[in-house]
Amino acid sequence: MYILYLYFQFFYILMFCYIFYSLFVVPMSIIVYLLVYIYNSKKKNIVLPEPPSGLLTLVFVDVSGSTVLWEKCSDAMCIAINTYYDILHKYSEMYDGYEVNTEGDSMFVVFNNIINALVWCIEIDMELLKTKWPDELLNHQEAAMIKDENGNIVFNGLTIHIGLHVGEPICQYNKTKNHFDYLGPSVNKAARIQTLACRGQILSSSLYVFTLIDTLHRFSSNDIISNDVNNYEINIGKHKITIKYIGIYSLKNISIPERIYQIIHEDMQPRYSYRTLSGINTVNSEGSSSKQSPQNDKTNESFSKSLSQKNQSQIYRIVREPIRDIPVLKSSSN
């Protein structure tokens, strides 16, 4: 009798489990499946914004010394990197930058408007310098606050280095990321120029500089203060900027050496003076295999003239808006 009793108890428990499974587990599974299916269907039907096309300004930005900082103070870096990306996203939206992708703490952004690209670089650099960073981060050499002999802050917390170039990259939809990617030689060159830059440095190709100057000549020539082929001084809104030719460099895996320019904002001049006095490298030696001084570059001026003569129609396509809208830039909120 006892065995029969146990048998019925087991049967009742089994029936209870079956009823529970039938009434609750199966319906809930179906509901979850339907919700996931609906979500994925909506995700697939999302219309992506039209990516920039034509002649674009390509910008690569990366955090200097981030590998060491992640090793030494990962908790502080988690906070800092969120702040860093918040700043980049804010200014990308402000200046119509199309964020192509991020990898670690680097970002690739493209712009239809060459002027907005430059202002974006300048303003994120200045914003990062003024940002309050975690104390744990500032205790490390790679992110320490450094002042020059006049008390000017030249480095503070996360510091970036940037590379700019212009070109017509191939735009391709990436199914995995549900996003548009840009590919091609111009993208590779922009990335290589960025690796050439040292901490706190903004470098560009000669094509970027000559395209920028030609654009300013066409739409706002009064903003060009000095027009020497090796040393431009320009005003863009409230920003006073010096663009200085620093030499010819061989970029990794790129056959033709590139004329490299350094972009310096007036408020960042103490940083570059400090670098010179401290004997800090002009560029990252790992990003280049050779250098030629500006004084020996006999072809630089002729290159500028030939660019102006042969590529005018292509250069002016870089500006997306009608001529009346070109000088109007979105200003940051102070």
Protein backbone atom coordinates (compact mmCIF):
# COMPACT_ATOMS: atom_id res chain seq x y z
CA MET A 1 0.00 0.00 0.00
CA TYR A 2 2.80 2.39 0.86
CA ILE A 3 4.35 1.89 -2.59
CA LEU A 4 1.00 2.60 -4.20
CA TYR A 5 0.71 5.76 -2.11
CA LEU A 6 4.11 6.95 -3.29
CA TYR A 7 3.16 6.16 -6.87
CA PHE A 8 0.05 8.37 -6.68
CA GLN A 9 2.02 11.15 -5.00
CA PHE A 10 4.55 11.06 -7.81
CA PHE A 11 1.72 11.03 -10.35
CA TYR A 12 0.09 14.10 -8.78
CA ILE A 13 3.39 15.97 -8.75
CA LEU A 14 3.99 15.07 -12.39
CA MET A 15 0.50 16.24 -13.36
CA PHE A 16 1.00 19.49 -11.50
CA CYS A 17 4.27 20.14 -13.33
CA TYR A 18 2.62 19.32 -16.67
CA ILE A 19 -0.29 21.69 -16.00
CA PHE A 20 2.05 24.45 -14.81
CA TYR A 21 4.24 24.01 -17.88
CA SER A 22 1.24 24.02 -20.20
CA LEU A 23 -0.50 27.02 -18.64
CA PHE A 24 2.48 29.25 -17.81
CA VAL A 25 5.83 28.22 -19.30
CA VAL A 26 4.66 27.56 -22.86
CA PRO A 27 2.56 30.77 -23.17
CA MET A 28 5.35 32.86 -21.63
CA SER A 29 7.87 31.35 -24.04
CA ILE A 30 5.62 32.18 -26.96
CA ILE A 31 5.14 35.75 -25.72
CA VAL A 32 8.89 36.28 -25.27
CA TYR A 33 9.55 34.87 -28.74
CA LEU A 34 6.95 37.20 -30.28
CA LEU A 35 8.38 40.23 -28.47
CA VAL A 36 11.91 39.43 -29.65
CA TYR A 37 10.63 38.90 -33.19
CA ILE A 38 8.77 42.23 -33.19
CA TYR A 39 11.82 44.05 -31.78
CA ASN A 40 14.14 42.59 -34.41
CA SER A 41 11.66 43.39 -37.17
CA LYS A 42 11.46 47.02 -36.07
CA LYS A 43 15.24 47.19 -35.77
CA LYS A 44 15.66 45.96 -39.34
CA ASN A 45 13.14 48.51 -40.59
CA ILE A 46 14.86 51.49 -38.97
CA VAL A 47 15.78 54.02 -41.64
CA LEU A 48 19.40 55.05 -41.13
CA PRO A 49 20.35 58.69 -41.71
CA GLU A 50 21.91 59.38 -45.07
CA PRO A 51 25.71 59.14 -44.68
CA PRO A 52 27.93 61.95 -45.99
CA SER A 53 29.24 61.38 -49.50
CA GLY A 54 31.57 62.97 -52.03
CA LEU A 55 34.71 64.79 -50.96
CA LEU A 56 34.83 64.48 -47.16
CA THR A 57 37.04 65.52 -44.28
CA LEU A 58 38.23 62.40 -42.45
CA VAL A 59 39.17 62.74 -38.79
CA PHE A 60 40.73 60.14 -36.50
CA VAL A 61 41.04 60.92 -32.80
CA ASP A 62 42.61 58.77 -30.07
CA VAL A 63 43.49 59.09 -26.40
CA SER A 64 47.23 59.34 -25.75
CA GLY A 65 48.72 56.83 -23.32
CA SER A 66 45.40 55.09 -22.77
CA THR A 67 46.87 51.57 -22.66
CA VAL A 68 49.03 52.44 -19.67
CA LEU A 69 46.17 54.26 -17.97
CA TRP A 70 43.86 51.27 -18.33
CA GLU A 71 46.56 49.08 -16.77
CA LYS A 72 47.19 51.40 -13.81
CA CYS A 73 43.77 52.84 -12.99
CA SER A 74 40.99 50.98 -14.75
CA ASP A 75 38.24 52.20 -12.40
CA ALA A 76 39.10 55.85 -13.00
CA MET A 77 39.41 55.21 -16.73
CA CYS A 78 35.88 53.78 -16.84
CA ILE A 79 34.60 57.11 -15.54
CA ALA A 80 36.97 59.18 -17.66
CA ILE A 81 36.24 57.39 -20.92
CA ASN A 82 32.51 57.99 -20.51
CA THR A 83 33.19 61.69 -20.02
CA TYR A 84 35.48 61.66 -23.06
CA TYR A 85 32.84 60.09 -25.32
CA ASP A 86 30.14 62.42 -23.99
CA ILE A 87 32.25 65.38 -25.11
CA LEU A 88 32.93 63.91 -28.54
CA HIS A 89 29.27 63.03 -29.11
CA LYS A 90 28.16 66.50 -28.04
CA TYR A 91 30.42 68.27 -30.52
CA SER A 92 29.72 65.75 -33.30
CA GLU A 93 26.05 66.63 -33.04
CA MET A 94 26.86 70.33 -32.84
CA TYR A 95 29.03 70.37 -35.96
CA ASP A 96 27.28 67.71 -38.06
CA GLY A 97 29.99 65.10 -37.70
CA TYR A 98 29.08 61.57 -38.79
CA GLU A 99 30.57 59.12 -36.28
CA VAL A 100 31.65 56.15 -38.37
CA ASN A 101 32.96 53.88 -35.64
CA THR A 102 34.74 53.65 -32.33
CA GLU A 103 37.39 51.19 -31.31
CA GLY A 104 38.55 51.25 -27.72
CA ASP A 105 39.06 54.95 -27.06
CA SER A 106 39.58 56.02 -30.67
CA MET A 107 36.93 57.45 -32.96
CA PHE A 108 36.58 57.95 -36.71
CA VAL A 109 34.38 60.88 -37.77
CA VAL A 110 33.66 62.30 -41.22
CA PHE A 111 32.42 65.77 -42.14
CA ASN A 112 30.87 67.25 -45.26
CA ASN A 113 32.02 70.69 -44.13
CA ILE A 114 35.81 71.08 -43.89
CA ILE A 115 35.53 74.12 -41.61
CA ASN A 116 33.27 72.36 -39.12
CA ALA A 117 35.77 69.48 -39.00
CA LEU A 118 38.55 71.83 -37.90
CA VAL A 119 36.40 73.57 -35.29
CA TRP A 120 35.30 70.16 -33.97
CA CYS A 121 38.94 69.16 -33.43
CA ILE A 122 39.82 72.45 -31.76
CA GLU A 123 36.85 72.54 -29.42
CA ILE A 124 37.00 68.94 -28.17
CA ASP A 125 40.72 69.44 -27.47
CA MET A 126 40.00 72.59 -25.45
CA GLU A 127 37.03 71.02 -23.68
CA LEU A 128 39.08 68.02 -22.57
CA LEU A 129 41.77 70.35 -21.22
CA LYS A 130 39.19 72.15 -19.04
CA THR A 131 37.39 69.02 -17.84
CA LYS A 132 37.59 67.90 -14.21
CA TRP A 133 39.02 64.36 -14.16
CA PRO A 134 39.13 61.76 -11.34
CA ASP A 135 41.98 62.31 -8.89
CA GLU A 136 43.16 58.74 -9.35
CA LEU A 137 43.66 59.45 -13.05
CA LEU A 138 45.58 62.68 -12.43
CA ASN A 139 48.03 60.86 -10.16
CA HIS A 140 49.56 59.09 -13.15
CA GLN A 141 52.18 60.63 -15.39
CA GLU A 142 50.23 59.96 -18.59
CA ALA A 143 47.28 62.04 -17.35
CA ALA A 144 48.82 64.40 -14.79
CA MET A 145 48.03 68.10 -14.83
CA ILE A 146 51.10 69.92 -16.14
CA LYS A 147 51.63 73.68 -16.10
CA ASP A 148 54.30 75.72 -17.84
CA GLU A 149 56.50 78.29 -16.15
CA ASN A 150 53.77 80.93 -16.55
CA GLY A 151 51.14 78.80 -14.84
CA ASN A 152 49.28 77.86 -18.02
CA ILE A 153 47.75 74.37 -17.99
CA VAL A 154 49.26 72.52 -20.96
CA PHE A 155 48.09 68.99 -20.14
CA ASN A 156 45.25 67.78 -17.94
CA GLY A 157 43.70 64.33 -17.70
CA LEU A 158 42.87 62.53 -20.93
CA THR A 159 44.71 64.13 -23.84
CA ILE A 160 44.05 63.33 -27.47
CA HIS A 161 45.99 63.30 -30.72
CA ILE A 162 44.23 63.85 -34.03
CA GLY A 163 44.86 63.26 -37.73
CA LEU A 164 42.97 64.93 -40.60
CA HIS A 165 42.84 64.27 -44.32
CA VAL A 166 40.36 64.79 -47.17
CA GLY A 167 39.24 62.35 -49.82
CA GLU A 168 36.38 60.48 -51.43
CA PRO A 169 36.23 57.19 -49.51
CA ILE A 170 34.04 54.25 -50.42
CA CYS A 171 30.86 54.22 -48.32
CA GLN A 172 29.65 50.71 -47.55
CA TYR A 173 26.82 49.41 -45.39
CA ASN A 174 27.92 47.15 -42.54
CA LYS A 175 25.20 44.57 -41.78
CA THR A 176 26.80 43.47 -38.52
CA LYS A 177 26.88 46.99 -37.06
CA ASN A 178 23.78 48.24 -38.93
CA HIS A 179 25.86 51.25 -39.85
CA PHE A 180 27.77 52.75 -42.76
CA ASP A 181 31.56 52.33 -42.93
CA TYR A 182 34.11 54.22 -45.01
CA LEU A 183 36.96 52.43 -46.74
CA GLY A 184 39.82 53.23 -49.09
CA PRO A 185 43.27 54.82 -49.36
CA SER A 186 42.15 58.21 -48.05
CA VAL A 187 40.84 56.59 -44.85
CA ASN A 188 44.11 54.68 -44.42
CA LYS A 189 46.13 57.87 -44.83
CA ALA A 190 44.03 59.76 -42.29
CA ALA A 191 44.54 56.94 -39.79
CA ARG A 192 48.31 56.92 -40.39
CA ILE A 193 48.54 60.67 -39.88
CA GLN A 194 46.76 60.27 -36.57
CA THR A 195 49.31 57.69 -35.40
CA LEU A 196 52.05 60.15 -36.34
CA ALA A 197 50.71 62.72 -33.86
CA CYS A 198 52.02 62.92 -30.31
CA ARG A 199 50.08 63.69 -27.15
CA GLY A 200 47.96 66.81 -27.55
CA GLN A 201 48.83 67.28 -31.22
CA ILE A 202 46.63 67.90 -34.27
CA LEU A 203 48.26 66.95 -37.58
CA SER A 204 46.91 67.09 -41.12
CA SER A 205 47.86 66.27 -44.67
CA SER A 206 48.80 68.97 -47.16
CA LEU A 207 45.66 68.20 -49.17
CA TYR A 208 43.53 69.02 -46.14
CA VAL A 209 45.34 72.33 -45.59
CA PHE A 210 45.22 73.44 -49.23
CA THR A 211 41.55 72.47 -49.49
CA LEU A 212 40.79 74.44 -46.32
CA ILE A 213 42.68 77.53 -47.54
CA ASP A 214 41.04 77.38 -50.98
CA THR A 215 37.63 77.09 -49.32
CA LEU A 216 38.34 80.12 -47.12
CA HIS A 217 39.63 82.05 -50.16
CA ARG A 218 36.40 81.36 -51.98
CA PHE A 219 33.91 82.03 -49.21
CA SER A 220 35.64 84.13 -46.54
CA SER A 221 39.04 85.40 -47.65
CA ASN A 222 39.16 87.96 -44.82
CA ASP A 223 39.68 85.10 -42.38
CA ILE A 224 43.15 84.34 -43.83
CA ILE A 225 45.61 86.55 -41.94
CA SER A 226 48.86 85.05 -43.22
CA ASN A 227 49.06 83.10 -46.46
CA ASP A 228 52.61 81.76 -46.47
CA VAL A 229 52.72 78.26 -47.94
CA ASN A 230 54.59 76.98 -44.85
CA ASN A 231 52.75 78.95 -42.19
CA TYR A 232 49.09 79.95 -42.42
CA GLU A 233 47.26 82.08 -39.87
CA ILE A 234 43.48 82.00 -40.06
CA ASN A 235 40.45 83.13 -38.07
CA ILE A 236 37.37 80.92 -37.91
CA GLY A 237 34.73 82.57 -35.79
CA LYS A 238 36.27 83.16 -32.38
CA HIS A 239 39.17 80.82 -33.10
CA LYS A 240 42.61 82.08 -34.10
CA ILE A 241 44.54 79.21 -35.64
CA THR A 242 48.08 78.71 -36.92
CA ILE A 243 48.77 75.96 -39.45
CA LYS A 244 52.47 75.21 -39.61
CA TYR A 245 54.27 72.99 -42.11
CA ILE A 246 56.62 70.64 -40.23
CA GLY A 247 58.07 68.42 -42.95
CA ILE A 248 57.69 65.39 -45.18
CA TYR A 249 57.08 62.05 -43.49
CA SER A 250 56.85 58.48 -44.71
CA LEU A 251 53.68 56.89 -43.41
CA LYS A 252 53.55 53.18 -42.64
CA ASN A 253 52.47 51.05 -45.64
CA ILE A 254 51.85 54.15 -47.78
CA SER A 255 54.25 54.44 -50.71
CA ILE A 256 54.26 58.22 -51.23
CA PRO A 257 55.61 60.41 -48.38
CA GLU A 258 53.22 63.04 -47.09
CA ARG A 259 53.67 66.74 -46.32
CA ILE A 260 52.50 67.13 -42.74
CA TYR A 261 51.07 70.27 -41.13
CA GLN A 262 50.53 71.00 -37.45
CA ILE A 263 47.38 72.86 -36.38
CA ILE A 264 47.70 75.07 -33.31
CA HIS A 265 44.94 77.07 -31.67
CA GLU A 266 45.98 80.37 -30.07
CA ASP A 267 44.84 79.19 -26.62
CA MET A 268 46.91 76.01 -27.04
CA GLN A 269 50.13 77.79 -27.93
CA PRO A 270 51.55 77.37 -24.38
CA ARG A 271 51.31 73.60 -24.88
CA TYR A 272 53.53 73.71 -27.96
CA SER A 273 55.98 76.14 -26.37
CA TYR A 274 56.21 73.76 -23.40
CA ARG A 275 56.81 70.80 -25.71
CA THR A 276 59.67 72.63 -27.41
CA LEU A 277 61.31 73.72 -24.16
CA SER A 278 60.90 70.25 -22.66
CA GLY A 279 62.44 68.54 -25.68
CA ILE A 280 59.29 66.51 -26.41
CA ASN A 281 59.27 64.95 -29.89
CA THR A 282 57.67 66.96 -32.68
CA VAL A 283 55.92 63.83 -33.95
CA ASN A 284 55.62 60.21 -32.95
CA SER A 285 58.76 58.50 -34.28
CA GLU A 286 56.91 55.17 -34.54
CA GLY A 287 54.59 56.62 -37.15
CA SER A 288 57.28 57.74 -39.57
CA SER A 289 60.48 56.44 -41.09
CA SER A 290 61.92 59.61 -42.59
CA LYS A 291 61.63 63.36 -42.48
CA GLN A 292 62.53 66.30 -44.70
CA SER A 293 62.72 69.82 -43.34
CA PRO A 294 60.43 72.56 -44.71
CA GLN A 295 63.43 74.58 -45.92
CA ASN A 296 64.49 71.79 -48.30
CA ASP A 297 61.01 71.12 -49.63
CA LYS A 298 61.28 72.81 -53.03
CA THR A 299 58.11 71.20 -54.37
CA ASN A 300 55.72 72.32 -51.67
CA GLU A 301 54.75 75.64 -53.24
CA SER A 302 54.37 74.20 -56.73
CA PHE A 303 52.24 71.41 -55.28
CA SER A 304 49.94 74.02 -53.74
CA LYS A 305 49.62 75.89 -57.04
CA SER A 306 48.93 72.76 -59.07
CA LEU A 307 46.28 71.70 -56.57
CA SER A 308 44.56 75.07 -56.88
CA GLN A 309 44.63 74.94 -60.67
CA LYS A 310 43.61 71.32 -61.27
CA ASN A 311 41.25 70.47 -58.43
CA GLN A 312 39.08 73.56 -57.93
CA SER A 313 35.84 71.85 -58.91
CA GLN A 314 36.58 68.92 -56.61
CA ILE A 315 37.68 71.12 -53.72
CA TYR A 316 34.54 73.25 -53.67
CA ARG A 317 32.34 70.16 -53.53
CA ILE A 318 33.53 69.66 -49.96
CA VAL A 319 31.11 72.34 -48.79
CA ARG A 320 27.65 70.88 -48.57
CA GLU A 321 25.55 74.01 -48.10
CA PRO A 322 24.95 76.94 -50.49
CA ILE A 323 27.54 79.69 -50.53
CA ARG A 324 25.58 82.01 -48.24
CA ASP A 325 25.65 79.40 -45.45
CA ILE A 326 29.36 78.58 -45.45
CA PRO A 327 30.70 81.18 -42.98
CA VAL A 328 27.95 80.37 -40.49
CA LEU A 329 29.27 77.92 -37.89
CA LYS A 330 27.50 76.50 -34.92
CA SER A 331 29.13 77.87 -31.80
CA SER A 332 29.54 75.96 -28.60
CA SER A 333 27.61 76.89 -25.50
CA ASN A 334 29.86 78.35 -22.86
